[in-house]
Amino acid sequence: GTRVERQRLVNGTWVLVAATATSSTGSYSFSFTWKTAGKFTYRVV
């Protein structure tokens, strides 16, 4: 149940785009799609 946030770097600022919770083993997973080509930087907090 630990809250984790997926954040994307936009113009030098980290922006929250999604959140989820960990399982009992501490694992988590985010699944998402993009329609625009390019390179995107993410982190999980």
All heavy atoms as atom14 arrays in JSON, in Angstrom:
{
  "sequence": "GTRVERQRLVNGTWVLVAATATSSTGSYSFSFTWKTAGKFTYRVV",
  "atom14_mask": [
    [1, 1, 1, 1, 0, 0, 0, 0, 0, 0, 0, 0, 0, 0],
    [1, 1, 1, 1, 1, 1, 1, 0, 0, 0, 0, 0, 0, 0],
    [1, 1, 1, 1, 1, 1, 1, 1, 1, 1, 1, 0, 0, 0],
    [1, 1, 1, 1, 1, 1, 1, 0, 0, 0, 0, 0, 0, 0],
    [1, 1, 1, 1, 1, 1, 1, 1, 1, 0, 0, 0, 0, 0],
    [1, 1, 1, 1, 1, 1, 1, 1, 1, 1, 1, 0, 0, 0],
    [1, 1, 1, 1, 1, 1, 1, 1, 1, 0, 0, 0, 0, 0],
    [1, 1, 1, 1, 1, 1, 1, 1, 1, 1, 1, 0, 0, 0],
    [1, 1, 1, 1, 1, 1, 1, 1, 0, 0, 0, 0, 0, 0],
    [1, 1, 1, 1, 1, 1, 1, 0, 0, 0, 0, 0, 0, 0],
    [1, 1, 1, 1, 1, 1, 1, 1, 0, 0, 0, 0, 0, 0],
    [1, 1, 1, 1, 0, 0, 0, 0, 0, 0, 0, 0, 0, 0],
    [1, 1, 1, 1, 1, 1, 1, 0, 0, 0, 0, 0, 0, 0],
    [1, 1, 1, 1, 1, 1, 1, 1, 1, 1, 1, 1, 1, 1],
    [1, 1, 1, 1, 1, 1, 1, 0, 0, 0, 0, 0, 0, 0],
    [1, 1, 1, 1, 1, 1, 1, 1, 0, 0, 0, 0, 0, 0],
    [1, 1, 1, 1, 1, 1, 1, 0, 0, 0, 0, 0, 0, 0],
    [1, 1, 1, 1, 1, 0, 0, 0, 0, 0, 0, 0, 0, 0],
    [1, 1, 1, 1, 1, 0, 0, 0, 0, 0, 0, 0, 0, 0],
    [1, 1, 1, 1, 1, 1, 1, 0, 0, 0, 0, 0, 0, 0],
    [1, 1, 1, 1, 1, 0, 0, 0, 0, 0, 0, 0, 0, 0],
    [1, 1, 1, 1, 1, 1, 1, 0, 0, 0, 0, 0, 0, 0],
    [1, 1, 1, 1, 1, 1, 0, 0, 0, 0, 0, 0, 0, 0],
    [1, 1, 1, 1, 1, 1, 0, 0, 0, 0, 0, 0, 0, 0],
    [1, 1, 1, 1, 1, 1, 1, 0, 0, 0, 0, 0, 0, 0],
    [1, 1, 1, 1, 0, 0, 0, 0, 0, 0, 0, 0, 0, 0],
    [1, 1, 1, 1, 1, 1, 0, 0, 0, 0, 0, 0, 0, 0],
    [1, 1, 1, 1, 1, 1, 1, 1, 1, 1, 1, 1, 0, 0],
    [1, 1, 1, 1, 1, 1, 0, 0, 0, 0, 0, 0, 0, 0],
    [1, 1, 1, 1, 1, 1, 1, 1, 1, 1, 1, 0, 0, 0],
    [1, 1, 1, 1, 1, 1, 0, 0, 0, 0, 0, 0, 0, 0],
    [1, 1, 1, 1, 1, 1, 1, 1, 1, 1, 1, 0, 0, 0],
    [1, 1, 1, 1, 1, 1, 1, 0, 0, 0, 0, 0, 0, 0],
    [1, 1, 1, 1, 1, 1, 1, 1, 1, 1, 1, 1, 1, 1],
    [1, 1, 1, 1, 1, 1, 1, 1, 1, 0, 0, 0, 0, 0],
    [1, 1, 1, 1, 1, 1, 1, 0, 0, 0, 0, 0, 0, 0],
    [1, 1, 1, 1, 1, 0, 0, 0, 0, 0, 0, 0, 0, 0],
    [1, 1, 1, 1, 0, 0, 0, 0, 0, 0, 0, 0, 0, 0],
    [1, 1, 1, 1, 1, 1, 1, 1, 1, 0, 0, 0, 0, 0],
    [1, 1, 1, 1, 1, 1, 1, 1, 1, 1, 1, 0, 0, 0],
    [1, 1, 1, 1, 1, 1, 1, 0, 0, 0, 0, 0, 0, 0],
    [1, 1, 1, 1, 1, 1, 1, 1, 1, 1, 1, 1, 0, 0],
    [1, 1, 1, 1, 1, 1, 1, 1, 1, 1, 1, 0, 0, 0],
    [1, 1, 1, 1, 1, 1, 1, 0, 0, 0, 0, 0, 0, 0],
    [1, 1, 1, 1, 1, 1, 1, 0, 0, 0, 0, 0, 0, 0]
  ],
  "atom14_positions": [
    [[0.78, -1.22, 0.0], [0.0, 0.0, 0.0], [0.81, 1.27, 0.0], [0.26, 2.37, 0.13], [0.0, 0.0, 0.0], [0.0, 0.0, 0.0], [0.0, 0.0, 0.0], [0.0, 0.0, 0.0], [0.0, 0.0, 0.0], [0.0, 0.0, 0.0], [0.0, 0.0, 0.0], [0.0, 0.0, 0.0], [0.0, 0.0, 0.0], [0.0, 0.0, 0.0]],
    [[2.14, 1.15, -0.14], [2.97, 2.36, -0.2], [2.66, 3.12, -1.49], [2.68, 2.55, -2.59], [4.46, 1.99, -0.16], [4.74, 1.31, 1.06], [5.33, 3.24, -0.26], [0.0, 0.0, 0.0], [0.0, 0.0, 0.0], [0.0, 0.0, 0.0], [0.0, 0.0, 0.0], [0.0, 0.0, 0.0], [0.0, 0.0, 0.0], [0.0, 0.0, 0.0]],
    [[2.35, 4.39, -1.39], [2.01, 5.2, -2.56], [3.28, 5.51, -3.36], [4.28, 5.97, -2.8], [1.34, 6.5, -2.14], [1.05, 7.47, -3.31], [0.47, 8.77, -2.77], [0.45, 9.82, -3.79], [-0.53, 9.99, -4.67], [-1.59, 9.17, -4.66], [-0.49, 10.98, -5.55], [0.0, 0.0, 0.0], [0.0, 0.0, 0.0], [0.0, 0.0, 0.0]],
    [[3.22, 5.26, -4.65], [4.31, 5.63, -5.54], [3.75, 6.49, -6.67], [2.63, 6.28, -7.14], [5.03, 4.39, -6.12], [5.82, 3.67, -5.04], [4.05, 3.42, -6.78], [0.0, 0.0, 0.0], [0.0, 0.0, 0.0], [0.0, 0.0, 0.0], [0.0, 0.0, 0.0], [0.0, 0.0, 0.0], [0.0, 0.0, 0.0], [0.0, 0.0, 0.0]],
    [[4.52, 7.46, -7.08], [4.09, 8.4, -8.12], [5.0, 8.28, -9.34], [6.22, 8.23, -9.21], [4.15, 9.83, -7.58], [3.29, 10.08, -6.37], [3.48, 11.49, -5.81], [4.39, 12.2, -6.31], [2.74, 11.87, -4.88], [0.0, 0.0, 0.0], [0.0, 0.0, 0.0], [0.0, 0.0, 0.0], [0.0, 0.0, 0.0], [0.0, 0.0, 0.0]],
    [[4.35, 8.25, -10.52], [5.12, 8.32, -11.76], [5.16, 9.78, -12.18], [4.12, 10.44, -12.34], [4.46, 7.47, -12.85], [5.15, 7.58, -14.22], [4.7, 6.47, -15.15], [3.26, 6.43, -15.33], [2.6, 7.07, -16.28], [3.24, 7.85, -17.13], [1.28, 6.94, -16.38], [0.0, 0.0, 0.0], [0.0, 0.0, 0.0], [0.0, 0.0, 0.0]],
    [[6.36, 10.29, -12.33], [6.53, 11.7, -12.67], [7.3, 11.82, -14.0], [8.17, 11.0, -14.3], [7.3, 12.43, -11.56], [6.59, 12.45, -10.22], [7.41, 13.16, -9.15], [8.55, 13.54, -9.38], [6.8, 13.35, -7.98], [0.0, 0.0, 0.0], [0.0, 0.0, 0.0], [0.0, 0.0, 0.0], [0.0, 0.0, 0.0], [0.0, 0.0, 0.0]],
    [[6.9, 12.88, -14.79], [7.58, 13.13, -16.06], [8.21, 14.52, -16.01], [7.64, 15.47, -15.46], [6.57, 13.06, -17.22], [7.19, 13.28, -18.61], [6.26, 12.76, -19.7], [4.95, 13.38, -19.67], [4.63, 14.51, -20.32], [5.53, 15.12, -21.03], [3.41, 14.98, -20.24], [0.0, 0.0, 0.0], [0.0, 0.0, 0.0], [0.0, 0.0, 0.0]],
    [[9.38, 14.62, -16.6], [10.1, 15.88, -16.62], [9.6, 16.73, -17.8], [9.74, 16.34, -18.96], [11.6, 15.63, -16.77], [12.52, 16.84, -16.62], [12.37, 17.48, -15.23], [13.97, 16.43, -16.85], [0.0, 0.0, 0.0], [0.0, 0.0, 0.0], [0.0, 0.0, 0.0], [0.0, 0.0, 0.0], [0.0, 0.0, 0.0], [0.0, 0.0, 0.0]],
    [[8.99, 17.86, -17.46], [8.42, 18.76, -18.47], [9.04, 20.14, -18.3], [8.82, 20.8, -17.27], [6.88, 18.83, -18.36], [6.34, 19.78, -19.43], [6.25, 17.45, -18.46], [0.0, 0.0, 0.0], [0.0, 0.0, 0.0], [0.0, 0.0, 0.0], [0.0, 0.0, 0.0], [0.0, 0.0, 0.0], [0.0, 0.0, 0.0], [0.0, 0.0, 0.0]],
    [[9.81, 20.55, -19.3], [10.44, 21.87, -19.26], [11.19, 22.12, -17.95], [11.09, 23.18, -17.34], [9.4, 22.97, -19.48], [8.75, 22.87, -20.85], [9.41, 22.52, -21.84], [7.45, 23.17, -20.91], [0.0, 0.0, 0.0], [0.0, 0.0, 0.0], [0.0, 0.0, 0.0], [0.0, 0.0, 0.0], [0.0, 0.0, 0.0], [0.0, 0.0, 0.0]],
    [[11.9, 21.08, -17.5], [12.72, 21.21, -16.29], [11.98, 21.02, -14.99], [12.58, 21.15, -13.91], [0.0, 0.0, 0.0], [0.0, 0.0, 0.0], [0.0, 0.0, 0.0], [0.0, 0.0, 0.0], [0.0, 0.0, 0.0], [0.0, 0.0, 0.0], [0.0, 0.0, 0.0], [0.0, 0.0, 0.0], [0.0, 0.0, 0.0], [0.0, 0.0, 0.0]],
    [[10.7, 20.69, -15.06], [9.91, 20.5, -13.82], [9.29, 19.12, -13.83], [8.76, 18.66, -14.85], [8.8, 21.55, -13.73], [9.39, 22.86, -13.74], [7.97, 21.37, -12.46], [0.0, 0.0, 0.0], [0.0, 0.0, 0.0], [0.0, 0.0, 0.0], [0.0, 0.0, 0.0], [0.0, 0.0, 0.0], [0.0, 0.0, 0.0], [0.0, 0.0, 0.0]],
    [[9.36, 18.46, -12.66], [8.74, 17.15, -12.54], [7.24, 17.31, -12.33], [6.8, 18.02, -11.42], [9.34, 16.36, -11.38], [10.76, 15.9, -11.64], [11.89, 16.43, -11.13], [11.16, 14.84, -12.48], [13.01, 15.78, -11.59], [12.58, 14.77, -12.44], [10.48, 13.93, -13.31], [13.32, 13.84, -13.16], [11.23, 12.99, -14.02], [12.62, 12.95, -13.96]],
    [[6.5, 16.6, -13.16], [5.04, 16.69, -13.14], [4.46, 15.31, -12.82], [4.84, 14.32, -13.45], [4.5, 17.19, -14.49], [2.96, 17.22, -14.46], [5.05, 18.57, -14.81], [0.0, 0.0, 0.0], [0.0, 0.0, 0.0], [0.0, 0.0, 0.0], [0.0, 0.0, 0.0], [0.0, 0.0, 0.0], [0.0, 0.0, 0.0], [0.0, 0.0, 0.0]],
    [[3.56, 15.28, -11.83], [2.89, 14.02, -11.48], [1.92, 13.66, -12.6], [1.05, 14.45, -12.96], [2.14, 14.17, -10.15], [1.22, 13.02, -9.75], [2.01, 11.72, -9.53], [0.44, 13.39, -8.48], [0.0, 0.0, 0.0], [0.0, 0.0, 0.0], [0.0, 0.0, 0.0], [0.0, 0.0, 0.0], [0.0, 0.0, 0.0], [0.0, 0.0, 0.0]],
    [[2.06, 12.42, -13.09], [1.15, 11.98, -14.15], [0.31, 10.79, -13.74], [-0.75, 10.54, -14.33], [1.92, 11.66, -15.45], [2.51, 12.93, -16.06], [3.04, 10.65, -15.2], [0.0, 0.0, 0.0], [0.0, 0.0, 0.0], [0.0, 0.0, 0.0], [0.0, 0.0, 0.0], [0.0, 0.0, 0.0], [0.0, 0.0, 0.0], [0.0, 0.0, 0.0]],
    [[0.75, 10.03, -12.71], [-0.03, 8.86, -12.26], [0.49, 8.41, -10.9], [1.61, 8.75, -10.5], [0.06, 7.73, -13.27], [0.0, 0.0, 0.0], [0.0, 0.0, 0.0], [0.0, 0.0, 0.0], [0.0, 0.0, 0.0], [0.0, 0.0, 0.0], [0.0, 0.0, 0.0], [0.0, 0.0, 0.0], [0.0, 0.0, 0.0], [0.0, 0.0, 0.0]],
    [[-0.34, 7.68, -10.18], [0.06, 7.12, -8.88], [-0.53, 5.73, -8.73], [-1.57, 5.42, -9.32], [-0.41, 8.02, -7.75], [0.0, 0.0, 0.0], [0.0, 0.0, 0.0], [0.0, 0.0, 0.0], [0.0, 0.0, 0.0], [0.0, 0.0, 0.0], [0.0, 0.0, 0.0], [0.0, 0.0, 0.0], [0.0, 0.0, 0.0], [0.0, 0.0, 0.0]],
    [[0.13, 4.92, -7.96], [-0.36, 3.57, -7.66], [0.16, 3.18, -6.28], [0.8, 3.98, -5.59], [0.09, 2.56, -8.74], [-0.59, 1.31, -8.52], [1.59, 2.33, -8.72], [0.0, 0.0, 0.0], [0.0, 0.0, 0.0], [0.0, 0.0, 0.0], [0.0, 0.0, 0.0], [0.0, 0.0, 0.0], [0.0, 0.0, 0.0], [0.0, 0.0, 0.0]],
    [[-0.11, 1.95, -5.89], [0.33, 1.46, -4.58], [1.12, 0.17, -4.77], [0.86, -0.6, -5.7], [-0.85, 1.23, -3.65], [0.0, 0.0, 0.0], [0.0, 0.0, 0.0], [0.0, 0.0, 0.0], [0.0, 0.0, 0.0], [0.0, 0.0, 0.0], [0.0, 0.0, 0.0], [0.0, 0.0, 0.0], [0.0, 0.0, 0.0], [0.0, 0.0, 0.0]],
    [[2.05, -0.07, -3.85], [2.88, -1.28, -3.95], [2.12, -2.49, -3.43], [1.18, -2.39, -2.63], [4.16, -1.13, -3.13], [3.81, -0.9, -1.76], [5.01, 0.01, -3.63], [0.0, 0.0, 0.0], [0.0, 0.0, 0.0], [0.0, 0.0, 0.0], [0.0, 0.0, 0.0], [0.0, 0.0, 0.0], [0.0, 0.0, 0.0], [0.0, 0.0, 0.0]],
    [[2.56, -3.65, -3.87], [2.03, -4.91, -3.38], [2.71, -5.24, -2.06], [3.57, -4.5, -1.57], [2.31, -6.02, -4.39], [3.71, -6.29, -4.46], [0.0, 0.0, 0.0], [0.0, 0.0, 0.0], [0.0, 0.0, 0.0], [0.0, 0.0, 0.0], [0.0, 0.0, 0.0], [0.0, 0.0, 0.0], [0.0, 0.0, 0.0], [0.0, 0.0, 0.0]],
    [[2.38, -6.39, -1.49], [2.98, -6.81, -0.22], [4.47, -7.07, -0.37], [5.22, -7.03, 0.62], [2.28, -8.06, 0.31], [2.4, -9.13, -0.62], [0.0, 0.0, 0.0], [0.0, 0.0, 0.0], [0.0, 0.0, 0.0], [0.0, 0.0, 0.0], [0.0, 0.0, 0.0], [0.0, 0.0, 0.0], [0.0, 0.0, 0.0], [0.0, 0.0, 0.0]],
    [[4.94, -7.31, -1.59], [6.37, -7.53, -1.81], [7.09, -6.24, -2.18], [8.28, -6.25, -2.46], [6.59, -8.57, -2.93], [6.01, -8.08, -4.15], [5.98, -9.9, -2.57], [0.0, 0.0, 0.0], [0.0, 0.0, 0.0], [0.0, 0.0, 0.0], [0.0, 0.0, 0.0], [0.0, 0.0, 0.0], [0.0, 0.0, 0.0], [0.0, 0.0, 0.0]],
    [[6.35, -5.12, -2.21], [6.95, -3.85, -2.53], [7.01, -3.52, -4.01], [7.52, -2.48, -4.4], [0.0, 0.0, 0.0], [0.0, 0.0, 0.0], [0.0, 0.0, 0.0], [0.0, 0.0, 0.0], [0.0, 0.0, 0.0], [0.0, 0.0, 0.0], [0.0, 0.0, 0.0], [0.0, 0.0, 0.0], [0.0, 0.0, 0.0], [0.0, 0.0, 0.0]],
    [[6.44, -4.37, -4.86], [6.51, -4.14, -6.31], [5.35, -3.26, -6.78], [4.32, -3.13, -6.11], [6.49, -5.47, -7.06], [5.29, -6.16, -6.81], [0.0, 0.0, 0.0], [0.0, 0.0, 0.0], [0.0, 0.0, 0.0], [0.0, 0.0, 0.0], [0.0, 0.0, 0.0], [0.0, 0.0, 0.0], [0.0, 0.0, 0.0], [0.0, 0.0, 0.0]],
    [[5.54, -2.66, -7.95], [4.5, -1.82, -8.55], [4.7, -1.88, -10.07], [5.74, -2.34, -10.58], [4.62, -0.37, -8.07], [5.86, 0.3, -8.59], [5.86, 0.94, -9.83], [7.06, 0.26, -7.87], [7.01, 1.52, -10.34], [8.2, 0.84, -8.37], [8.18, 1.47, -9.61], [9.32, 2.02, -10.13], [0.0, 0.0, 0.0], [0.0, 0.0, 0.0]],
    [[3.69, -1.39, -10.78], [3.79, -1.34, -12.25], [2.88, -0.25, -12.8], [1.74, -0.07, -12.32], [3.41, -2.7, -12.86], [3.51, -2.67, -14.26], [0.0, 0.0, 0.0], [0.0, 0.0, 0.0], [0.0, 0.0, 0.0], [0.0, 0.0, 0.0], [0.0, 0.0, 0.0], [0.0, 0.0, 0.0], [0.0, 0.0, 0.0], [0.0, 0.0, 0.0]],
    [[3.4, 0.52, -13.78], [2.61, 1.51, -14.51], [2.58, 1.08, -15.99], [3.61, 0.72, -16.56], [3.25, 2.9, -14.44], [3.22, 3.53, -13.08], [4.31, 3.46, -12.23], [2.08, 4.22, -12.66], [4.28, 4.06, -10.99], [2.05, 4.82, -11.42], [3.14, 4.74, -10.57], [0.0, 0.0, 0.0], [0.0, 0.0, 0.0], [0.0, 0.0, 0.0]],
    [[1.38, 1.18, -16.6], [1.25, 0.9, -18.04], [0.53, 2.08, -18.7], [-0.52, 2.51, -18.22], [0.46, -0.4, -18.27], [0.31, -0.67, -19.64], [0.0, 0.0, 0.0], [0.0, 0.0, 0.0], [0.0, 0.0, 0.0], [0.0, 0.0, 0.0], [0.0, 0.0, 0.0], [0.0, 0.0, 0.0], [0.0, 0.0, 0.0], [0.0, 0.0, 0.0]],
    [[1.11, 2.6, -19.81], [0.52, 3.78, -20.45], [0.96, 3.81, -21.92], [1.92, 3.13, -22.33], [0.94, 5.06, -19.74], [2.44, 5.24, -19.62], [3.13, 6.02, -20.54], [3.16, 4.61, -18.61], [4.5, 6.19, -20.45], [4.53, 4.77, -18.51], [5.21, 5.57, -19.42], [0.0, 0.0, 0.0], [0.0, 0.0, 0.0], [0.0, 0.0, 0.0]],
    [[0.22, 4.58, -22.74], [0.54, 4.67, -24.18], [0.79, 6.12, -24.56], [0.31, 7.06, -23.92], [-0.62, 4.13, -25.03], [-1.8, 4.86, -24.74], [-0.84, 2.65, -24.75], [0.0, 0.0, 0.0], [0.0, 0.0, 0.0], [0.0, 0.0, 0.0], [0.0, 0.0, 0.0], [0.0, 0.0, 0.0], [0.0, 0.0, 0.0], [0.0, 0.0, 0.0]],
    [[1.57, 6.3, -25.65], [1.87, 7.62, -26.2], [1.54, 7.64, -27.7], [1.78, 6.66, -28.43], [3.36, 7.94, -26.03], [3.65, 8.66, -24.75], [4.12, 8.13, -23.62], [3.46, 10.04, -24.5], [4.26, 9.06, -22.63], [3.85, 10.27, -23.15], [2.98, 11.13, -25.28], [3.79, 11.52, -22.54], [2.94, 12.37, -24.67], [3.34, 12.57, -23.31]],
    [[0.97, 8.77, -28.14], [0.66, 8.91, -29.57], [1.67, 9.82, -30.28], [1.66, 9.93, -31.5], [-0.75, 9.48, -29.75], [-1.84, 8.57, -29.23], [-3.21, 9.21, -29.42], [-4.31, 8.29, -28.91], [-5.66, 8.89, -29.07], [0.0, 0.0, 0.0], [0.0, 0.0, 0.0], [0.0, 0.0, 0.0], [0.0, 0.0, 0.0], [0.0, 0.0, 0.0]],
    [[2.52, 10.45, -29.42], [3.48, 11.39, -29.98], [4.89, 10.8, -29.92], [5.3, 10.26, -28.88], [3.45, 12.7, -29.19], [2.12, 13.2, -29.15], [4.37, 13.74, -29.82], [0.0, 0.0, 0.0], [0.0, 0.0, 0.0], [0.0, 0.0, 0.0], [0.0, 0.0, 0.0], [0.0, 0.0, 0.0], [0.0, 0.0, 0.0], [0.0, 0.0, 0.0]],
    [[5.59, 10.9, -31.05], [6.96, 10.4, -31.07], [7.87, 11.35, -30.29], [7.62, 12.56, -30.21], [7.46, 10.23, -32.49], [0.0, 0.0, 0.0], [0.0, 0.0, 0.0], [0.0, 0.0, 0.0], [0.0, 0.0, 0.0], [0.0, 0.0, 0.0], [0.0, 0.0, 0.0], [0.0, 0.0, 0.0], [0.0, 0.0, 0.0], [0.0, 0.0, 0.0]],
    [[8.95, 10.79, -29.71], [9.92, 11.62, -29.0], [10.57, 10.86, -27.85], [10.33, 9.66, -27.65], [0.0, 0.0, 0.0], [0.0, 0.0, 0.0], [0.0, 0.0, 0.0], [0.0, 0.0, 0.0], [0.0, 0.0, 0.0], [0.0, 0.0, 0.0], [0.0, 0.0, 0.0], [0.0, 0.0, 0.0], [0.0, 0.0, 0.0], [0.0, 0.0, 0.0]],
    [[11.39, 11.59, -27.1], [12.04, 11.01, -25.92], [11.48, 11.69, -24.67], [11.4, 12.92, -24.63], [13.55, 11.2, -25.98], [14.24, 10.31, -27.01], [15.75, 10.4, -26.88], [16.42, 9.42, -27.85], [17.89, 9.45, -27.72], [0.0, 0.0, 0.0], [0.0, 0.0, 0.0], [0.0, 0.0, 0.0], [0.0, 0.0, 0.0], [0.0, 0.0, 0.0]],
    [[11.13, 10.87, -23.71], [10.48, 11.36, -22.49], [11.2, 10.8, -21.24], [11.55, 9.61, -21.21], [9.01, 10.95, -22.48], [8.28, 11.38, -23.72], [8.17, 10.51, -24.81], [7.74, 12.66, -23.83], [7.51, 10.91, -25.96], [7.09, 13.05, -24.98], [6.97, 12.18, -26.07], [0.0, 0.0, 0.0], [0.0, 0.0, 0.0], [0.0, 0.0, 0.0]],
    [[11.42, 11.67, -20.25], [12.15, 11.28, -19.03], [11.18, 11.1, -17.87], [10.34, 11.98, -17.6], [13.21, 12.33, -18.65], [14.12, 12.48, -19.75], [13.99, 11.92, -17.41], [0.0, 0.0, 0.0], [0.0, 0.0, 0.0], [0.0, 0.0, 0.0], [0.0, 0.0, 0.0], [0.0, 0.0, 0.0], [0.0, 0.0, 0.0], [0.0, 0.0, 0.0]],
    [[11.33, 9.98, -17.18], [10.44, 9.63, -16.07], [11.27, 9.28, -14.82], [12.44, 8.92, -14.89], [9.57, 8.43, -16.42], [8.51, 8.71, -17.45], [8.79, 8.56, -18.83], [7.24, 9.12, -17.08], [7.83, 8.8, -19.78], [6.26, 9.38, -18.03], [6.56, 9.22, -19.37], [5.61, 9.48, -20.31], [0.0, 0.0, 0.0], [0.0, 0.0, 0.0]],
    [[10.58, 9.36, -13.72], [11.1, 8.79, -12.47], [9.91, 8.36, -11.63], [8.77, 8.79, -11.86], [11.95, 9.8, -11.69], [11.16, 10.93, -11.05], [12.04, 11.84, -10.23], [11.25, 12.89, -9.55], [11.78, 13.85, -8.8], [13.1, 13.92, -8.66], [11.01, 14.76, -8.22], [0.0, 0.0, 0.0], [0.0, 0.0, 0.0], [0.0, 0.0, 0.0]],
    [[10.19, 7.53, -10.63], [9.15, 7.08, -9.7], [9.55, 7.54, -8.3], [10.69, 7.36, -7.86], [8.98, 5.55, -9.74], [7.96, 5.1, -8.68], [8.52, 5.11, -11.14], [0.0, 0.0, 0.0], [0.0, 0.0, 0.0], [0.0, 0.0, 0.0], [0.0, 0.0, 0.0], [0.0, 0.0, 0.0], [0.0, 0.0, 0.0], [0.0, 0.0, 0.0]],
    [[8.59, 8.14, -7.59], [8.85, 8.72, -6.26], [7.95, 8.08, -5.22], [6.73, 7.94, -5.44], [8.63, 10.25, -6.28], [8.78, 10.83, -4.87], [9.59, 10.92, -7.26], [0.0, 0.0, 0.0], [0.0, 0.0, 0.0], [0.0, 0.0, 0.0], [0.0, 0.0, 0.0], [0.0, 0.0, 0.0], [0.0, 0.0, 0.0], [0.0, 0.0, 0.0]]
  ]
}
